[in-house]
Structures are given as structure tokens and as C-alpha cells.
Amino acid sequence: MAIALLNRQAMASSNTVKVGVACPIPGERAAFLEWLTHAGYEPVPMITLETIARDLTTRPIEALIADVSLVKKDTLAQLVKVLGPNRPVILVGLPQDKIEDVPRDATWLPRPATRDTFLLSVALGLAEGRPARRSPRTMVPKLMSTVDGIMSKVVDVSQEGVRLEITGSAPSSLPPYFMLKVPSFGVATKVKRVWVAMPAQGSMWCGGILEKQSDKSVTIWKNFIANATHTGKIIHETSPGIGV
């Protein structure tokens, strides 16, 4: 079953995380495209950022990696605004080229970039670009669950969402919507993928929000939260900018 999930990297592009790459250095651009592809992302090459607003319509992306030479200090804030809160921007450059007022929504990746630091920056950027939660997030004792039949663990829950840990999967191998089951609590609910990250080799973390549910499913989820978290604790109160 785990092999089947890994093979989903070859599915239609609508199920992959598209990452824009705007880098004028041929060798570096080639490396970035190769690293992204091997990690399961779908890289989208961009020559310049002059038409980024139009490109987001014709070639939608979920994150942008850009050479600092293409982003001026007085245009960085506008670029972040155009991308929106859920499309992180990662700027690549030498330490002395760093723009001092890099906004909270942007990440600085110094050269020389290694494969591990590059992919970690992408994963964390996507994770931190998630929308705000509306309710507290509560830790649970890593309950066994399944995601479309693949073994996973529930890390924490909220009234509208869940965070999961899945081993042996690449970020883009998880479809936009999946079925989450927690057999010991009778939970079987459809979840919309919001973000993915790979904090360690062979481990994927995923945050999702519950799809519209029946009254019965809502009751089951509420009972699940109430009964599964006795050994856990509230780790975050509602806070702007913190995702599900």
C-alpha cells in the first residue's frame, strides 16, 4: 500500500504541488528543477517576474523561488501581496545581498544552497503559508489512523482540522482530498489537504480541514476530540496566522 501512495507522484499534475522557479543562473536553475522533481513537486520555470500576476492565472503555483536579483527592495512587498498569504516566496542569494526588511511571508535562502536546505525551505514555506485556524489545536497521543488506506498517525486536532504524520511519502503524493479513518473512534471523514511538509527524511506532515459533513459526522468528530485528547493538551490557542 505504501508503494501505491509513492507511485501517486506520477498522477495528473492537478494532484501535485506546483512551485515557480525564477532563477537566471542556468546551472542553479537546473539543480532546483531537478531537486523539486525528485522530491515529488512540479517545478514551473519562470524567466522573469514581470508578468507574475498574469502567470498566476495561466500557470497557478503554490510557492515561488526567486533569485534576489529579480526582486528589488521596493517591489518585494508588492510581490508578496500579489502571491497572497498562501503562496510563500523564497528568495535565493548571497548573504551580503539579503534584503533587510524581508517580510514575514518571505524566506531567505543563502547561497550556496544544498539540496537538503533547499527542500526544507520549500516544505516549511508551504506549511507556514496555511490559512488561520478558528479554534484551539489540541495534541493527541499519535493515534493510529489511515489516509486513503495508508497508515498514518493523528498528531493534533481542532474543531475544523487535523494534522497527520505519514511515513514514506513525498509531499505531492497526497491528493487534494483524501479519506481519513480513525477506526478506534469510528471516524471516517473526507479531508481537504491544506499544506504538506517534510521535517525529516521519509516522514511527511500534513495539515487539512474537514470537508462539509453530515450532522452525524460532526457529532462523531466532536466526540473524537473530547475523548481522544484526555492525555493531550492545548498547544495553541486561536491566533491569527497559525494554520490548522
C-alpha atoms as a PDB file:
ATOM      1  CA  MET A   1       0.000   0.000   0.000  1.00  0.00           C
ATOM      2  CA  ALA A   2       2.842   2.382   0.830  1.00  0.00           C
ATOM      3  CA  ILE A   3       4.314   1.739  -2.607  1.00  0.00           C
ATOM      4  CA  ALA A   4       0.980   2.651  -4.166  1.00  0.00           C
ATOM      5  CA  LEU A   5       0.997   6.007  -2.383  1.00  0.00           C
ATOM      6  CA  LEU A   6       4.529   6.743  -3.510  1.00  0.00           C
ATOM      7  CA  ASN A   7       3.576   5.930  -7.082  1.00  0.00           C
ATOM      8  CA  ARG A   8       0.962   8.681  -6.996  1.00  0.00           C
ATOM      9  CA  GLN A   9       3.773  11.070  -7.837  1.00  0.00           C
ATOM     10  CA  ALA A  10       3.095  10.050 -11.421  1.00  0.00           C
ATOM     11  CA  MET A  11      -0.581  11.060 -11.243  1.00  0.00           C
ATOM     12  CA  ALA A  12      -2.116  14.045 -13.023  1.00  0.00           C
ATOM     13  CA  SER A  13      -0.462  17.389 -12.370  1.00  0.00           C
ATOM     14  CA  SER A  14      -3.582  18.637 -10.571  1.00  0.00           C
ATOM     15  CA  ASN A  15      -2.517  16.448  -7.624  1.00  0.00           C
ATOM     16  CA  THR A  16       0.997  17.868  -7.373  1.00  0.00           C
ATOM     17  CA  VAL A  17       2.317  20.933  -5.597  1.00  0.00           C
ATOM     18  CA  LYS A  18       3.444  23.399  -8.284  1.00  0.00           C
ATOM     19  CA  VAL A  19       6.467  25.557  -7.390  1.00  0.00           C
ATOM     20  CA  GLY A  20       7.544  28.501  -9.537  1.00  0.00           C
ATOM     21  CA  VAL A  21      11.298  28.817 -10.136  1.00  0.00           C
ATOM     22  CA  ALA A  22      12.667  32.177 -11.321  1.00  0.00           C
ATOM     23  CA  CYS A  23      16.447  31.867 -11.419  1.00  0.00           C
ATOM     24  CA  PRO A  24      18.729  33.386 -14.109  1.00  0.00           C
ATOM     25  CA  ILE A  25      21.723  31.124 -13.354  1.00  0.00           C
ATOM     26  CA  PRO A  26      21.405  28.089 -15.677  1.00  0.00           C
ATOM     27  CA  GLY A  27      23.252  25.559 -13.505  1.00  0.00           C
ATOM     28  CA  GLU A  28      21.467  26.568 -10.323  1.00  0.00           C
ATOM     29  CA  ARG A  29      18.086  26.644 -12.067  1.00  0.00           C
ATOM     30  CA  ALA A  30      18.683  23.132 -13.406  1.00  0.00           C
ATOM     31  CA  ALA A  31      19.579  21.888  -9.920  1.00  0.00           C
ATOM     32  CA  PHE A  32      16.468  23.455  -8.368  1.00  0.00           C
ATOM     33  CA  LEU A  33      14.232  21.923 -11.042  1.00  0.00           C
ATOM     34  CA  GLU A  34      15.833  18.500 -10.564  1.00  0.00           C
ATOM     35  CA  TRP A  35      15.582  18.608  -6.757  1.00  0.00           C
ATOM     36  CA  LEU A  36      11.939  19.647  -6.872  1.00  0.00           C
ATOM     37  CA  THR A  37      11.055  16.957  -9.392  1.00  0.00           C
ATOM     38  CA  HIS A  38      12.776  14.191  -7.433  1.00  0.00           C
ATOM     39  CA  ALA A  39      11.009  15.346  -4.237  1.00  0.00           C
ATOM     40  CA  GLY A  40       7.638  14.989  -5.971  1.00  0.00           C
ATOM     41  CA  TYR A  41       6.885  18.654  -6.671  1.00  0.00           C
ATOM     42  CA  GLU A  42       6.068  20.039 -10.109  1.00  0.00           C
ATOM     43  CA  PRO A  43       8.505  22.865 -10.925  1.00  0.00           C
ATOM     44  CA  VAL A  44       7.252  25.719 -13.110  1.00  0.00           C
ATOM     45  CA  PRO A  45      10.186  27.592 -14.741  1.00  0.00           C
ATOM     46  CA  MET A  46       9.851  31.383 -14.977  1.00  0.00           C
ATOM     47  CA  ILE A  47      12.258  33.680 -16.809  1.00  0.00           C
ATOM     48  CA  THR A  48      11.232  36.918 -15.070  1.00  0.00           C
ATOM     49  CA  LEU A  49       8.689  38.129 -12.526  1.00  0.00           C
ATOM     50  CA  GLU A  50       7.382  40.990 -14.647  1.00  0.00           C
ATOM     51  CA  THR A  51       4.233  39.054 -15.560  1.00  0.00           C
ATOM     52  CA  ILE A  52       3.815  37.166 -12.276  1.00  0.00           C
ATOM     53  CA  ALA A  53       0.211  38.338 -11.755  1.00  0.00           C
ATOM     54  CA  ARG A  54      -0.809  37.072 -15.200  1.00  0.00           C
ATOM     55  CA  ASP A  55       1.236  33.889 -14.797  1.00  0.00           C
ATOM     56  CA  LEU A  56      -0.623  33.038 -11.584  1.00  0.00           C
ATOM     57  CA  THR A  57      -3.806  32.829 -13.670  1.00  0.00           C
ATOM     58  CA  THR A  58      -2.410  30.884 -16.608  1.00  0.00           C
ATOM     59  CA  ARG A  59       0.083  28.785 -14.624  1.00  0.00           C
ATOM     60  CA  PRO A  60      -1.057  28.663 -10.981  1.00  0.00           C
ATOM     61  CA  ILE A  61       1.640  27.864  -8.435  1.00  0.00           C
ATOM     62  CA  GLU A  62       1.627  27.262  -4.678  1.00  0.00           C
ATOM     63  CA  ALA A  63       5.078  28.718  -3.925  1.00  0.00           C
ATOM     64  CA  LEU A  64       7.731  30.840  -5.634  1.00  0.00           C
ATOM     65  CA  ILE A  65      11.515  30.514  -5.549  1.00  0.00           C
ATOM     66  CA  ALA A  66      13.184  33.628  -6.944  1.00  0.00           C
ATOM     67  CA  ASP A  67      16.712  34.948  -7.337  1.00  0.00           C
ATOM     68  CA  VAL A  68      17.133  38.092  -5.264  1.00  0.00           C
ATOM     69  CA  SER A  69      18.399  39.932  -8.355  1.00  0.00           C
ATOM     70  CA  LEU A  70      14.876  39.710  -9.774  1.00  0.00           C
ATOM     71  CA  VAL A  71      13.271  41.260  -6.691  1.00  0.00           C
ATOM     72  CA  LYS A  72      14.059  44.818  -5.684  1.00  0.00           C
ATOM     73  CA  LYS A  73      13.600  46.069  -2.157  1.00  0.00           C
ATOM     74  CA  ASP A  74      10.796  48.443  -3.123  1.00  0.00           C
ATOM     75  CA  THR A  75       8.892  45.727  -5.034  1.00  0.00           C
ATOM     76  CA  LEU A  76       9.191  42.855  -2.557  1.00  0.00           C
ATOM     77  CA  ALA A  77       6.105  43.827  -0.563  1.00  0.00           C
ATOM     78  CA  GLN A  78       4.066  44.091  -3.764  1.00  0.00           C
ATOM     79  CA  LEU A  79       5.290  40.664  -4.895  1.00  0.00           C
ATOM     80  CA  VAL A  80       4.231  39.110  -1.571  1.00  0.00           C
ATOM     81  CA  LYS A  81       0.838  40.817  -1.901  1.00  0.00           C
ATOM     82  CA  VAL A  82       0.346  39.501  -5.452  1.00  0.00           C
ATOM     83  CA  LEU A  83       1.224  35.965  -4.393  1.00  0.00           C
ATOM     84  CA  GLY A  84      -1.166  36.099  -1.456  1.00  0.00           C
ATOM     85  CA  PRO A  85      -0.866  34.645   2.076  1.00  0.00           C
ATOM     86  CA  ASN A  86      -0.891  31.007   0.943  1.00  0.00           C
ATOM     87  CA  ARG A  87       1.876  31.277  -1.684  1.00  0.00           C
ATOM     88  CA  PRO A  88       5.223  31.678   0.111  1.00  0.00           C
ATOM     89  CA  VAL A  89       8.159  33.305  -1.655  1.00  0.00           C
ATOM     90  CA  ILE A  90      11.708  32.029  -1.117  1.00  0.00           C
ATOM     91  CA  LEU A  91      14.482  34.436  -2.088  1.00  0.00           C
ATOM     92  CA  VAL A  92      17.872  32.996  -3.041  1.00  0.00           C
ATOM     93  CA  GLY A  93      21.103  34.998  -2.847  1.00  0.00           C
ATOM     94  CA  LEU A  94      24.456  35.625  -1.235  1.00  0.00           C
ATOM     95  CA  PRO A  95      24.451  36.720   2.428  1.00  0.00           C
ATOM     96  CA  GLN A  96      25.517  40.276   1.542  1.00  0.00           C
ATOM     97  CA  ASP A  97      22.617  40.586  -0.916  1.00  0.00           C
ATOM     98  CA  LYS A  98      19.950  39.888   1.693  1.00  0.00           C
ATOM     99  CA  ILE A  99      17.112  42.408   1.720  1.00  0.00           C
ATOM    100  CA  GLU A 100      16.932  43.690   5.296  1.00  0.00           C
ATOM    101  CA  ASP A 101      13.170  44.072   5.505  1.00  0.00           C
ATOM    102  CA  VAL A 102      12.232  40.602   4.224  1.00  0.00           C
ATOM    103  CA  PRO A 103       8.573  40.331   5.224  1.00  0.00           C
ATOM    104  CA  ARG A 104       7.204  37.575   7.439  1.00  0.00           C
ATOM    105  CA  ASP A 105       5.711  35.882   4.374  1.00  0.00           C
ATOM    106  CA  ALA A 106       9.095  35.501   2.662  1.00  0.00           C
ATOM    107  CA  THR A 107      12.043  33.204   3.378  1.00  0.00           C
ATOM    108  CA  TRP A 108      15.739  33.886   2.734  1.00  0.00           C
ATOM    109  CA  LEU A 109      17.845  31.013   1.337  1.00  0.00           C
ATOM    110  CA  PRO A 110      21.577  31.884   1.276  1.00  0.00           C
ATOM    111  CA  ARG A 111      23.996  30.549  -1.320  1.00  0.00           C
ATOM    112  CA  PRO A 112      25.435  28.029  -1.751  1.00  0.00           C
ATOM    113  CA  ALA A 113      22.125  26.181  -1.373  1.00  0.00           C
ATOM    114  CA  THR A 114      22.296  22.468  -0.630  1.00  0.00           C
ATOM    115  CA  ARG A 115      19.585  20.031  -1.631  1.00  0.00           C
ATOM    116  CA  ASP A 116      18.524  19.419   1.982  1.00  0.00           C
ATOM    117  CA  THR A 117      18.302  23.094   2.995  1.00  0.00           C
ATOM    118  CA  PHE A 118      16.555  23.929  -0.276  1.00  0.00           C
ATOM    119  CA  LEU A 119      13.852  21.276   0.111  1.00  0.00           C
ATOM    120  CA  LEU A 120      13.416  22.061   3.803  1.00  0.00           C
ATOM    121  CA  SER A 121      12.870  25.742   2.975  1.00  0.00           C
ATOM    122  CA  VAL A 122      10.240  24.798   0.399  1.00  0.00           C
ATOM    123  CA  ALA A 123       8.443  22.392   2.743  1.00  0.00           C
ATOM    124  CA  LEU A 124       8.388  24.817   5.675  1.00  0.00           C
ATOM    125  CA  GLY A 125       7.360  27.692   3.421  1.00  0.00           C
ATOM    126  CA  LEU A 126       4.355  25.704   2.219  1.00  0.00           C
ATOM    127  CA  ALA A 127       3.490  24.654   5.768  1.00  0.00           C
ATOM    128  CA  GLU A 128       3.698  28.167   7.186  1.00  0.00           C
ATOM    129  CA  GLY A 129       1.655  29.603   4.336  1.00  0.00           C
ATOM    130  CA  ARG A 130      -1.503  27.865   5.525  1.00  0.00           C
ATOM    131  CA  PRO A 131      -4.616  29.842   6.478  1.00  0.00           C
ATOM    132  CA  ALA A 132      -5.511  30.767  10.056  1.00  0.00           C
ATOM    133  CA  ARG A 133      -7.324  28.396  12.386  1.00  0.00           C
ATOM    134  CA  ARG A 134     -10.540  29.399  14.084  1.00  0.00           C
ATOM    135  CA  SER A 135     -10.308  27.105  17.131  1.00  0.00           C
ATOM    136  CA  PRO A 136      -7.631  25.781  19.523  1.00  0.00           C
ATOM    137  CA  ARG A 137      -5.426  22.927  18.355  1.00  0.00           C
ATOM    138  CA  THR A 138      -5.150  20.027  20.793  1.00  0.00           C
ATOM    139  CA  MET A 139      -2.419  17.418  20.895  1.00  0.00           C
ATOM    140  CA  VAL A 140      -3.369  13.742  20.874  1.00  0.00           C
ATOM    141  CA  PRO A 141      -1.104  10.744  21.608  1.00  0.00           C
ATOM    142  CA  LYS A 142      -0.312   9.991  17.927  1.00  0.00           C
ATOM    143  CA  LEU A 143      -3.411   7.900  17.311  1.00  0.00           C
ATOM    144  CA  MET A 144      -3.238   5.271  14.590  1.00  0.00           C
ATOM    145  CA  SER A 145      -5.257   6.179  11.525  1.00  0.00           C
ATOM    146  CA  THR A 146      -5.313   5.695   7.769  1.00  0.00           C
ATOM    147  CA  VAL A 147      -5.213   8.122   4.845  1.00  0.00           C
ATOM    148  CA  ASP A 148      -6.819   6.520   1.803  1.00  0.00           C
ATOM    149  CA  GLY A 149      -5.870   3.180   3.335  1.00  0.00           C
ATOM    150  CA  ILE A 150      -2.267   4.177   4.096  1.00  0.00           C
ATOM    151  CA  MET A 151      -1.102   4.034   7.716  1.00  0.00           C
ATOM    152  CA  SER A 152      -0.770   7.406   9.439  1.00  0.00           C
ATOM    153  CA  LYS A 153      -0.852   8.985  12.885  1.00  0.00           C
ATOM    154  CA  VAL A 154      -3.077  11.809  14.110  1.00  0.00           C
ATOM    155  CA  VAL A 155      -0.783  14.380  15.738  1.00  0.00           C
ATOM    156  CA  ASP A 156      -3.308  17.017  16.824  1.00  0.00           C
ATOM    157  CA  VAL A 157      -6.856  18.113  16.090  1.00  0.00           C
ATOM    158  CA  SER A 158      -9.158  21.119  16.154  1.00  0.00           C
ATOM    159  CA  GLN A 159     -12.869  21.584  15.518  1.00  0.00           C
ATOM    160  CA  GLU A 160     -12.244  22.206  11.819  1.00  0.00           C
ATOM    161  CA  GLY A 161      -8.971  20.447  11.076  1.00  0.00           C
ATOM    162  CA  VAL A 162      -6.308  17.866  11.743  1.00  0.00           C
ATOM    163  CA  ARG A 163      -2.552  17.379  11.460  1.00  0.00           C
ATOM    164  CA  LEU A 164      -1.177  13.999  10.428  1.00  0.00           C
ATOM    165  CA  GLU A 165       2.181  12.252  10.202  1.00  0.00           C
ATOM    166  CA  ILE A 166       2.654   9.843   7.295  1.00  0.00           C
ATOM    167  CA  THR A 167       5.914   7.971   6.775  1.00  0.00           C
ATOM    168  CA  GLY A 168       7.477   7.115   3.450  1.00  0.00           C
ATOM    169  CA  SER A 169       5.572   9.674   1.366  1.00  0.00           C
ATOM    170  CA  ALA A 170       6.607  12.690  -0.689  1.00  0.00           C
ATOM    171  CA  PRO A 171       4.657  15.955  -0.233  1.00  0.00           C
ATOM    172  CA  SER A 172       2.918  15.840  -3.588  1.00  0.00           C
ATOM    173  CA  SER A 173       1.918  12.181  -3.283  1.00  0.00           C
ATOM    174  CA  LEU A 174      -1.067  13.158  -1.152  1.00  0.00           C
ATOM    175  CA  PRO A 175      -4.136  14.072  -3.252  1.00  0.00           C
ATOM    176  CA  PRO A 176      -6.042  17.346  -2.673  1.00  0.00           C
ATOM    177  CA  TYR A 177      -8.822  15.400  -0.929  1.00  0.00           C
ATOM    178  CA  PHE A 178      -8.474  12.155   0.999  1.00  0.00           C
ATOM    179  CA  MET A 179     -10.423   9.889   3.368  1.00  0.00           C
ATOM    180  CA  LEU A 180      -9.221   9.908   6.964  1.00  0.00           C
ATOM    181  CA  LYS A 181     -10.224   6.996   9.167  1.00  0.00           C
ATOM    182  CA  VAL A 182      -9.582   6.534  12.882  1.00  0.00           C
ATOM    183  CA  PRO A 183     -11.108   3.077  13.482  1.00  0.00           C
ATOM    184  CA  SER A 184     -10.897   3.096  17.269  1.00  0.00           C
ATOM    185  CA  PHE A 185     -13.173   6.163  17.369  1.00  0.00           C
ATOM    186  CA  GLY A 186     -15.433   5.411  14.419  1.00  0.00           C
ATOM    187  CA  VAL A 187     -14.104   8.377  12.439  1.00  0.00           C
ATOM    188  CA  ALA A 188     -14.382   8.250   8.643  1.00  0.00           C
ATOM    189  CA  THR A 189     -14.310  11.727   7.134  1.00  0.00           C
ATOM    190  CA  LYS A 190     -13.209  13.483   3.967  1.00  0.00           C
ATOM    191  CA  VAL A 191     -10.337  15.940   4.464  1.00  0.00           C
ATOM    192  CA  LYS A 192      -9.061  18.702   2.198  1.00  0.00           C
ATOM    193  CA  ARG A 193      -5.270  18.953   2.076  1.00  0.00           C
ATOM    194  CA  VAL A 194      -4.082  22.452   3.081  1.00  0.00           C
ATOM    195  CA  TRP A 195      -0.331  22.054   3.470  1.00  0.00           C
ATOM    196  CA  VAL A 196       2.426  19.452   3.473  1.00  0.00           C
ATOM    197  CA  ALA A 197       5.956  19.446   4.895  1.00  0.00           C
ATOM    198  CA  MET A 198       8.842  17.007   5.286  1.00  0.00           C
ATOM    199  CA  PRO A 199      10.589  17.779   8.610  1.00  0.00           C
ATOM    200  CA  ALA A 200      12.666  14.582   8.381  1.00  0.00           C
ATOM    201  CA  GLN A 201      13.752  12.094   5.746  1.00  0.00           C
ATOM    202  CA  GLY A 202      10.941   9.664   4.958  1.00  0.00           C
ATOM    203  CA  SER A 203       8.352  11.488   7.040  1.00  0.00           C
ATOM    204  CA  MET A 204       5.561  13.715   5.766  1.00  0.00           C
ATOM    205  CA  TRP A 205       3.410  16.032   7.863  1.00  0.00           C
ATOM    206  CA  CYS A 206       0.084  17.181   6.517  1.00  0.00           C
ATOM    207  CA  GLY A 207      -2.486  19.710   7.678  1.00  0.00           C
ATOM    208  CA  GLY A 208      -6.057  19.531   6.448  1.00  0.00           C
ATOM    209  CA  ILE A 209      -9.534  20.858   7.045  1.00  0.00           C
ATOM    210  CA  LEU A 210     -12.676  18.773   7.245  1.00  0.00           C
ATOM    211  CA  GLU A 211     -14.973  18.852   4.263  1.00  0.00           C
ATOM    212  CA  LYS A 212     -18.641  19.683   4.777  1.00  0.00           C
ATOM    213  CA  GLN A 213     -20.067  16.911   6.929  1.00  0.00           C
ATOM    214  CA  SER A 214     -23.415  15.467   7.914  1.00  0.00           C
ATOM    215  CA  ASP A 215     -24.771  16.174  11.381  1.00  0.00           C
ATOM    216  CA  LYS A 216     -23.851  12.625  12.371  1.00  0.00           C
ATOM    217  CA  SER A 217     -20.237  13.069  11.191  1.00  0.00           C
ATOM    218  CA  VAL A 218     -19.949  16.374  13.057  1.00  0.00           C
ATOM    219  CA  THR A 219     -21.104  14.677  16.251  1.00  0.00           C
ATOM    220  CA  ILE A 220     -18.636  11.817  15.776  1.00  0.00           C
ATOM    221  CA  TRP A 221     -15.768  14.299  15.226  1.00  0.00           C
ATOM    222  CA  LYS A 222     -16.684  16.301  18.337  1.00  0.00           C
ATOM    223  CA  ASN A 223     -16.822  13.122  20.405  1.00  0.00           C
ATOM    224  CA  PHE A 224     -13.482  12.089  18.929  1.00  0.00           C
ATOM    225  CA  ILE A 225     -11.869  15.352  20.042  1.00  0.00           C
ATOM    226  CA  ALA A 226     -13.446  15.134  23.506  1.00  0.00           C
ATOM    227  CA  ASN A 227     -12.397  11.526  24.127  1.00  0.00           C
ATOM    228  CA  ALA A 228      -9.051  11.331  22.326  1.00  0.00           C
ATOM    229  CA  THR A 229      -7.374  14.299  23.937  1.00  0.00           C
ATOM    230  CA  HIS A 230      -7.551  13.446  27.637  1.00  0.00           C
ATOM    231  CA  THR A 231      -3.834  12.701  27.608  1.00  0.00           C
ATOM    232  CA  GLY A 232      -3.040  15.629  25.384  1.00  0.00           C
ATOM    233  CA  LYS A 233      -3.001  19.334  25.989  1.00  0.00           C
ATOM    234  CA  ILE A 234      -3.927  22.508  24.158  1.00  0.00           C
ATOM    235  CA  ILE A 235      -0.733  23.574  22.406  1.00  0.00           C
ATOM    236  CA  HIS A 236      -2.019  26.655  20.651  1.00  0.00           C
ATOM    237  CA  GLU A 237      -4.926  28.971  21.355  1.00  0.00           C
ATOM    238  CA  THR A 238      -6.625  30.664  18.450  1.00  0.00           C
ATOM    239  CA  SER A 239      -4.084  33.006  16.915  1.00  0.00           C
ATOM    240  CA  PRO A 240      -4.010  34.940  13.613  1.00  0.00           C
ATOM    241  CA  GLY A 241      -1.622  33.431  11.107  1.00  0.00           C
ATOM    242  CA  ILE A 242      -1.447  29.965  12.697  1.00  0.00           C
ATOM    243  CA  GLY A 243      -2.817  27.234  10.479  1.00  0.00           C
ATOM    244  CA  VAL A 244      -4.801  24.054  11.046  1.00  0.00           C
END
